[in-house]
Amino acid sequence: MIVESQAVGPFFKNGFVVGCEETRDAVLIDPGDEVASLLAFADREKLAIRHILLTHAHVDHVTGVAAAKRALDVPIYLHRDDLFWYERAVESGAMFGLTVEPQPPIDIYYTPGQIITFGAYEAQPHHTPGHCPGGVCLQIGRRGEVGLDLFVGDTLFSGGIGRTDLPGGDYDTLIASIKNVLFAFGDEAVVHPGHGPSTTIGRERRTNPFLTTT
């Protein structure tokens, strides 16, 4: 599996291209201010992006969606519970002094048991509210195998967890999502968070101060 992660200021939010090394089909996850360089990477590597997948709709995770949609003309996916955040991206950006494009319509809302295929791989969304109402973890792996690469948005970080003080956030719900959904993937699962370096479920279960004391 091909995984490219990039982050730029002001938010230093991780955006991802995840691709199939055999067919060169790919997905784009959380395109933000780094969208141009992610699209350039896909072009250099001859990857055909088939889907735009959003882990949630806080403004730093969606500032590149409009540009990605224009460039790719592929479906945008989001959990319906985060639509209110998605629709207020222009206003949210203005709070940071940023000009954000109005968002193109969501094409497909995540549903339980949904499987999104690209090449020999598939992405399965799992609802993980707490940081925001519509947060999801995207479990990615080869078709027919248990995916052990988790793209978790801002639910879980290396040594930290997502903030819960924004509208729709809830601390107890976030901890429950981590322990009941993410921990269930097992200690070997790799966590690709929305900010900072990758980690593993095992490392966070054993050492994350927010999780070892709750």
C-alpha atoms as a PDB file:
ATOM      1  CA  MET A   1       0.000   0.000   0.000  1.00  0.00           C
ATOM      2  CA  ILE A   2       1.220   3.476  -0.890  1.00  0.00           C
ATOM      3  CA  VAL A   3       0.734   6.072   1.873  1.00  0.00           C
ATOM      4  CA  GLU A   4       1.766   9.691   1.367  1.00  0.00           C
ATOM      5  CA  SER A   5       1.222  12.198   4.189  1.00  0.00           C
ATOM      6  CA  GLN A   6       1.770  15.929   3.956  1.00  0.00           C
ATOM      7  CA  ALA A   7       1.097  18.874   6.265  1.00  0.00           C
ATOM      8  CA  VAL A   8       1.579  22.624   5.851  1.00  0.00           C
ATOM      9  CA  GLY A   9       0.837  25.757   7.875  1.00  0.00           C
ATOM     10  CA  PRO A  10      -1.084  27.296   9.411  1.00  0.00           C
ATOM     11  CA  PHE A  11      -2.746  24.171  10.818  1.00  0.00           C
ATOM     12  CA  PHE A  12      -0.118  21.507  10.019  1.00  0.00           C
ATOM     13  CA  LYS A  13      -2.940  19.046   9.477  1.00  0.00           C
ATOM     14  CA  ASN A  14      -2.086  15.723   7.856  1.00  0.00           C
ATOM     15  CA  GLY A  15      -3.620  15.052   4.455  1.00  0.00           C
ATOM     16  CA  PHE A  16      -3.132  11.677   2.818  1.00  0.00           C
ATOM     17  CA  VAL A  17      -3.023   9.928  -0.514  1.00  0.00           C
ATOM     18  CA  VAL A  18      -3.451   6.178  -0.092  1.00  0.00           C
ATOM     19  CA  GLY A  19      -2.921   4.099  -3.204  1.00  0.00           C
ATOM     20  CA  CYS A  20      -2.841   0.589  -4.598  1.00  0.00           C
ATOM     21  CA  GLU A  21       0.621  -0.295  -5.800  1.00  0.00           C
ATOM     22  CA  GLU A  22      -0.808  -2.725  -8.358  1.00  0.00           C
ATOM     23  CA  THR A  23      -3.638  -0.830 -10.091  1.00  0.00           C
ATOM     24  CA  ARG A  24      -2.512   2.718  -9.127  1.00  0.00           C
ATOM     25  CA  ASP A  25      -6.052   3.532  -7.935  1.00  0.00           C
ATOM     26  CA  ALA A  26      -6.088   5.738  -4.833  1.00  0.00           C
ATOM     27  CA  VAL A  27      -8.114   7.765  -2.341  1.00  0.00           C
ATOM     28  CA  LEU A  28      -7.525  11.280  -1.028  1.00  0.00           C
ATOM     29  CA  ILE A  29      -8.140  11.720   2.711  1.00  0.00           C
ATOM     30  CA  ASP A  30      -8.852  15.090   4.359  1.00  0.00           C
ATOM     31  CA  PRO A  31      -7.519  17.466   1.680  1.00  0.00           C
ATOM     32  CA  GLY A  32      -6.573  20.729   3.364  1.00  0.00           C
ATOM     33  CA  ASP A  33      -4.076  23.465   2.610  1.00  0.00           C
ATOM     34  CA  GLU A  34      -1.613  20.828   1.355  1.00  0.00           C
ATOM     35  CA  VAL A  35      -4.002  19.692  -1.399  1.00  0.00           C
ATOM     36  CA  ALA A  36      -1.885  20.944  -4.325  1.00  0.00           C
ATOM     37  CA  SER A  37       1.182  19.001  -3.227  1.00  0.00           C
ATOM     38  CA  LEU A  38      -0.872  15.862  -2.606  1.00  0.00           C
ATOM     39  CA  LEU A  39      -2.382  16.087  -6.085  1.00  0.00           C
ATOM     40  CA  ALA A  40       1.094  16.659  -7.507  1.00  0.00           C
ATOM     41  CA  PHE A  41       2.331  13.538  -5.703  1.00  0.00           C
ATOM     42  CA  ALA A  42      -0.527  11.493  -7.168  1.00  0.00           C
ATOM     43  CA  ASP A  43       0.294  12.828 -10.633  1.00  0.00           C
ATOM     44  CA  ARG A  44       3.993  12.022 -10.311  1.00  0.00           C
ATOM     45  CA  GLU A  45       3.230   8.520  -9.094  1.00  0.00           C
ATOM     46  CA  LYS A  46       0.555   8.008 -11.772  1.00  0.00           C
ATOM     47  CA  LEU A  47      -2.119   7.409  -9.148  1.00  0.00           C
ATOM     48  CA  ALA A  48      -5.766   7.776 -10.143  1.00  0.00           C
ATOM     49  CA  ILE A  49      -7.704   9.143  -7.157  1.00  0.00           C
ATOM     50  CA  ARG A  50     -11.186   7.593  -7.110  1.00  0.00           C
ATOM     51  CA  HIS A  51     -12.681   8.995  -3.887  1.00  0.00           C
ATOM     52  CA  ILE A  52     -12.307  11.973  -1.527  1.00  0.00           C
ATOM     53  CA  LEU A  53     -12.777  10.668   2.024  1.00  0.00           C
ATOM     54  CA  LEU A  54     -13.263  13.016   4.975  1.00  0.00           C
ATOM     55  CA  THR A  55     -12.700  11.857   8.539  1.00  0.00           C
ATOM     56  CA  HIS A  56     -14.649  14.882   9.763  1.00  0.00           C
ATOM     57  CA  ALA A  57     -15.430  18.436   8.697  1.00  0.00           C
ATOM     58  CA  HIS A  58     -13.521  20.836  10.934  1.00  0.00           C
ATOM     59  CA  VAL A  59     -12.176  23.600   8.735  1.00  0.00           C
ATOM     60  CA  ASP A  60      -8.522  22.495   8.703  1.00  0.00           C
ATOM     61  CA  HIS A  61      -9.576  19.147   7.224  1.00  0.00           C
ATOM     62  CA  VAL A  62     -11.672  20.552   4.366  1.00  0.00           C
ATOM     63  CA  THR A  63      -9.939  23.685   3.030  1.00  0.00           C
ATOM     64  CA  GLY A  64      -8.744  21.757  -0.026  1.00  0.00           C
ATOM     65  CA  VAL A  65     -11.957  19.912  -0.829  1.00  0.00           C
ATOM     66  CA  ALA A  66     -13.209  22.367  -3.446  1.00  0.00           C
ATOM     67  CA  ALA A  67      -9.878  22.346  -5.280  1.00  0.00           C
ATOM     68  CA  ALA A  68      -9.734  18.551  -5.134  1.00  0.00           C
ATOM     69  CA  LYS A  69     -13.264  18.239  -6.479  1.00  0.00           C
ATOM     70  CA  ARG A  70     -12.469  20.544  -9.407  1.00  0.00           C
ATOM     71  CA  ALA A  71      -9.300  18.646 -10.226  1.00  0.00           C
ATOM     72  CA  LEU A  72     -10.644  15.130  -9.814  1.00  0.00           C
ATOM     73  CA  ASP A  73     -14.450  15.196 -10.205  1.00  0.00           C
ATOM     74  CA  VAL A  74     -14.804  12.174  -7.899  1.00  0.00           C
ATOM     75  CA  PRO A  75     -17.304  11.639  -5.058  1.00  0.00           C
ATOM     76  CA  ILE A  76     -16.846  13.313  -1.667  1.00  0.00           C
ATOM     77  CA  TYR A  77     -17.730  11.239   1.418  1.00  0.00           C
ATOM     78  CA  LEU A  78     -18.651  12.528   4.898  1.00  0.00           C
ATOM     79  CA  HIS A  79     -20.607  11.387   7.929  1.00  0.00           C
ATOM     80  CA  ARG A  80     -23.959  13.143   7.925  1.00  0.00           C
ATOM     81  CA  ASP A  81     -23.588  14.237  11.564  1.00  0.00           C
ATOM     82  CA  ASP A  82     -20.749  16.579  10.569  1.00  0.00           C
ATOM     83  CA  LEU A  83     -22.626  18.296   7.762  1.00  0.00           C
ATOM     84  CA  PHE A  84     -23.208  21.386   9.911  1.00  0.00           C
ATOM     85  CA  TRP A  85     -19.436  21.826  10.275  1.00  0.00           C
ATOM     86  CA  TYR A  86     -18.895  21.255   6.570  1.00  0.00           C
ATOM     87  CA  GLU A  87     -21.465  23.873   5.610  1.00  0.00           C
ATOM     88  CA  ARG A  88     -19.926  26.516   7.873  1.00  0.00           C
ATOM     89  CA  ALA A  89     -16.352  26.148   6.578  1.00  0.00           C
ATOM     90  CA  VAL A  90     -16.320  29.691   5.157  1.00  0.00           C
ATOM     91  CA  GLU A  91     -17.338  31.156   8.528  1.00  0.00           C
ATOM     92  CA  SER A  92     -14.940  28.885  10.417  1.00  0.00           C
ATOM     93  CA  GLY A  93     -12.063  29.968   8.206  1.00  0.00           C
ATOM     94  CA  ALA A  94     -12.892  33.632   8.716  1.00  0.00           C
ATOM     95  CA  MET A  95     -12.481  33.140  12.469  1.00  0.00           C
ATOM     96  CA  PHE A  96      -8.808  32.350  11.751  1.00  0.00           C
ATOM     97  CA  GLY A  97      -8.466  35.191   9.257  1.00  0.00           C
ATOM     98  CA  LEU A  98      -8.515  32.740   6.354  1.00  0.00           C
ATOM     99  CA  THR A  99     -10.437  32.800   3.094  1.00  0.00           C
ATOM    100  CA  VAL A 100     -12.019  29.384   2.540  1.00  0.00           C
ATOM    101  CA  GLU A 101     -13.970  28.435  -0.566  1.00  0.00           C
ATOM    102  CA  PRO A 102     -17.600  27.384  -0.192  1.00  0.00           C
ATOM    103  CA  GLN A 103     -17.767  23.619  -0.042  1.00  0.00           C
ATOM    104  CA  PRO A 104     -19.042  21.529  -2.948  1.00  0.00           C
ATOM    105  CA  PRO A 105     -21.976  19.280  -2.077  1.00  0.00           C
ATOM    106  CA  ILE A 106     -21.337  15.973  -0.348  1.00  0.00           C
ATOM    107  CA  ASP A 107     -21.919  13.141  -2.791  1.00  0.00           C
ATOM    108  CA  ILE A 108     -22.135  10.159  -0.437  1.00  0.00           C
ATOM    109  CA  TYR A 109     -22.754   9.889   3.309  1.00  0.00           C
ATOM    110  CA  TYR A 110     -21.064   7.086   5.205  1.00  0.00           C
ATOM    111  CA  THR A 111     -23.319   4.226   6.265  1.00  0.00           C
ATOM    112  CA  PRO A 112     -22.711   1.294   8.644  1.00  0.00           C
ATOM    113  CA  GLY A 113     -21.005  -1.604   6.913  1.00  0.00           C
ATOM    114  CA  GLN A 114     -20.069   0.470   3.875  1.00  0.00           C
ATOM    115  CA  ILE A 115     -17.044  -0.625   1.834  1.00  0.00           C
ATOM    116  CA  ILE A 116     -15.264   1.800  -0.480  1.00  0.00           C
ATOM    117  CA  THR A 117     -12.961   0.047  -2.930  1.00  0.00           C
ATOM    118  CA  PHE A 118      -9.899   1.294  -4.798  1.00  0.00           C
ATOM    119  CA  GLY A 119      -7.777  -1.208  -6.650  1.00  0.00           C
ATOM    120  CA  ALA A 120      -6.916  -4.188  -4.464  1.00  0.00           C
ATOM    121  CA  TYR A 121      -7.784  -2.219  -1.305  1.00  0.00           C
ATOM    122  CA  GLU A 122     -10.878  -1.149   0.551  1.00  0.00           C
ATOM    123  CA  ALA A 123     -11.744   1.510   3.098  1.00  0.00           C
ATOM    124  CA  GLN A 124     -14.365   0.904   5.774  1.00  0.00           C
ATOM    125  CA  PRO A 125     -15.688   3.861   7.784  1.00  0.00           C
ATOM    126  CA  HIS A 126     -16.358   3.416  11.508  1.00  0.00           C
ATOM    127  CA  HIS A 127     -18.238   6.122  13.401  1.00  0.00           C
ATOM    128  CA  THR A 128     -16.041   7.587  16.167  1.00  0.00           C
ATOM    129  CA  PRO A 129     -17.827  10.638  17.604  1.00  0.00           C
ATOM    130  CA  GLY A 130     -16.468  12.722  20.470  1.00  0.00           C
ATOM    131  CA  HIS A 131     -14.083  15.171  18.841  1.00  0.00           C
ATOM    132  CA  CYS A 132     -17.097  16.083  16.726  1.00  0.00           C
ATOM    133  CA  PRO A 133     -20.450  14.356  16.072  1.00  0.00           C
ATOM    134  CA  GLY A 134     -19.534  12.935  12.661  1.00  0.00           C
ATOM    135  CA  GLY A 135     -15.971  11.781  13.174  1.00  0.00           C
ATOM    136  CA  VAL A 136     -15.011   8.510  11.521  1.00  0.00           C
ATOM    137  CA  CYS A 137     -12.051   6.157  11.462  1.00  0.00           C
ATOM    138  CA  LEU A 138     -11.217   4.890   7.995  1.00  0.00           C
ATOM    139  CA  GLN A 139      -9.944   1.306   8.241  1.00  0.00           C
ATOM    140  CA  ILE A 140      -7.922   0.492   5.125  1.00  0.00           C
ATOM    141  CA  GLY A 141      -6.483  -2.816   3.997  1.00  0.00           C
ATOM    142  CA  ARG A 142      -6.380  -5.284   1.144  1.00  0.00           C
ATOM    143  CA  ARG A 143      -9.699  -6.751   0.114  1.00  0.00           C
ATOM    144  CA  GLY A 144     -10.369 -10.000   1.929  1.00  0.00           C
ATOM    145  CA  GLU A 145      -7.987  -9.140   4.773  1.00  0.00           C
ATOM    146  CA  VAL A 146      -8.424  -7.254   8.039  1.00  0.00           C
ATOM    147  CA  GLY A 147      -7.257  -3.697   7.453  1.00  0.00           C
ATOM    148  CA  LEU A 148      -4.706  -2.554  10.002  1.00  0.00           C
ATOM    149  CA  ASP A 149      -4.139   0.999   8.792  1.00  0.00           C
ATOM    150  CA  LEU A 150      -6.446   3.412  10.599  1.00  0.00           C
ATOM    151  CA  PHE A 151      -6.932   6.991   9.437  1.00  0.00           C
ATOM    152  CA  VAL A 152      -8.515   8.449  12.539  1.00  0.00           C
ATOM    153  CA  GLY A 153      -8.761  12.187  11.938  1.00  0.00           C
ATOM    154  CA  ASP A 154      -8.492  14.041  15.248  1.00  0.00           C
ATOM    155  CA  THR A 155      -9.880  11.274  17.453  1.00  0.00           C
ATOM    156  CA  LEU A 156      -6.503   9.938  18.615  1.00  0.00           C
ATOM    157  CA  PHE A 157      -2.957  11.298  18.417  1.00  0.00           C
ATOM    158  CA  SER A 158       0.455  10.008  19.402  1.00  0.00           C
ATOM    159  CA  GLY A 159       0.377  10.755  23.115  1.00  0.00           C
ATOM    160  CA  GLY A 160      -2.876  12.708  22.964  1.00  0.00           C
ATOM    161  CA  ILE A 161      -6.529  12.843  22.012  1.00  0.00           C
ATOM    162  CA  GLY A 162      -8.716  15.247  20.075  1.00  0.00           C
ATOM    163  CA  ARG A 163     -10.105  18.376  21.676  1.00  0.00           C
ATOM    164  CA  THR A 164     -13.728  18.245  22.804  1.00  0.00           C
ATOM    165  CA  ASP A 165     -14.481  21.903  23.510  1.00  0.00           C
ATOM    166  CA  LEU A 166     -15.897  22.759  20.069  1.00  0.00           C
ATOM    167  CA  PRO A 167     -19.640  22.508  19.281  1.00  0.00           C
ATOM    168  CA  GLY A 168     -20.698  18.871  19.196  1.00  0.00           C
ATOM    169  CA  GLY A 169     -17.637  17.630  21.069  1.00  0.00           C
ATOM    170  CA  ASP A 170     -17.901  15.458  24.171  1.00  0.00           C
ATOM    171  CA  TYR A 171     -15.022  14.046  26.230  1.00  0.00           C
ATOM    172  CA  ASP A 172     -16.743  10.893  27.503  1.00  0.00           C
ATOM    173  CA  THR A 173     -17.977  10.077  24.004  1.00  0.00           C
ATOM    174  CA  LEU A 174     -14.462  10.508  22.609  1.00  0.00           C
ATOM    175  CA  ILE A 175     -12.902   8.177  25.183  1.00  0.00           C
ATOM    176  CA  ALA A 176     -15.629   5.609  24.475  1.00  0.00           C
ATOM    177  CA  SER A 177     -14.942   5.817  20.732  1.00  0.00           C
ATOM    178  CA  ILE A 178     -11.244   5.217  21.292  1.00  0.00           C
ATOM    179  CA  LYS A 179     -11.660   2.335  23.710  1.00  0.00           C
ATOM    180  CA  ASN A 180     -14.680   0.649  22.100  1.00  0.00           C
ATOM    181  CA  VAL A 181     -13.921   1.203  18.413  1.00  0.00           C
ATOM    182  CA  LEU A 182     -10.216   1.895  17.905  1.00  0.00           C
ATOM    183  CA  PHE A 183      -8.835  -0.444  20.559  1.00  0.00           C
ATOM    184  CA  ALA A 184     -10.859  -3.271  19.017  1.00  0.00           C
ATOM    185  CA  PHE A 185      -8.549  -3.270  15.992  1.00  0.00           C
ATOM    186  CA  GLY A 186      -5.736  -4.654  18.147  1.00  0.00           C
ATOM    187  CA  ASP A 187      -2.329  -3.475  19.262  1.00  0.00           C
ATOM    188  CA  GLU A 188      -0.656  -3.947  15.867  1.00  0.00           C
ATOM    189  CA  ALA A 189      -2.987  -1.556  14.054  1.00  0.00           C
ATOM    190  CA  VAL A 190      -1.211   1.550  12.756  1.00  0.00           C
ATOM    191  CA  VAL A 191      -2.819   4.895  13.599  1.00  0.00           C
ATOM    192  CA  HIS A 192      -2.488   7.717  11.074  1.00  0.00           C
ATOM    193  CA  PRO A 193      -3.760  10.804  12.935  1.00  0.00           C
ATOM    194  CA  GLY A 194      -4.869  14.170  11.639  1.00  0.00           C
ATOM    195  CA  HIS A 195      -1.913  15.913  13.291  1.00  0.00           C
ATOM    196  CA  GLY A 196       1.521  14.677  14.244  1.00  0.00           C
ATOM    197  CA  PRO A 197       3.311  11.371  13.677  1.00  0.00           C
ATOM    198  CA  SER A 198       1.806   7.937  13.182  1.00  0.00           C
ATOM    199  CA  THR A 199       1.609   5.552  16.112  1.00  0.00           C
ATOM    200  CA  THR A 200       0.033   2.201  16.983  1.00  0.00           C
ATOM    201  CA  ILE A 201      -2.973   1.178  19.005  1.00  0.00           C
ATOM    202  CA  GLY A 202      -0.722  -0.800  21.337  1.00  0.00           C
ATOM    203  CA  ARG A 203       1.548   2.135  22.048  1.00  0.00           C
ATOM    204  CA  GLU A 204      -1.365   4.456  22.791  1.00  0.00           C
ATOM    205  CA  ARG A 205      -3.191   1.888  24.897  1.00  0.00           C
ATOM    206  CA  ARG A 206      -0.068   1.426  27.055  1.00  0.00           C
ATOM    207  CA  THR A 207       1.353   4.942  27.225  1.00  0.00           C
ATOM    208  CA  ASN A 208      -1.172   7.611  26.245  1.00  0.00           C
ATOM    209  CA  PRO A 209      -1.818   9.554  29.492  1.00  0.00           C
ATOM    210  CA  PHE A 210      -5.432  10.251  28.533  1.00  0.00           C
ATOM    211  CA  LEU A 211      -6.132   6.535  28.159  1.00  0.00           C
ATOM    212  CA  THR A 212      -4.093   4.873  30.884  1.00  0.00           C
ATOM    213  CA  THR A 213      -5.881   6.784  33.647  1.00  0.00           C
ATOM    214  CA  THR A 214      -9.479   6.509  32.396  1.00  0.00           C
END
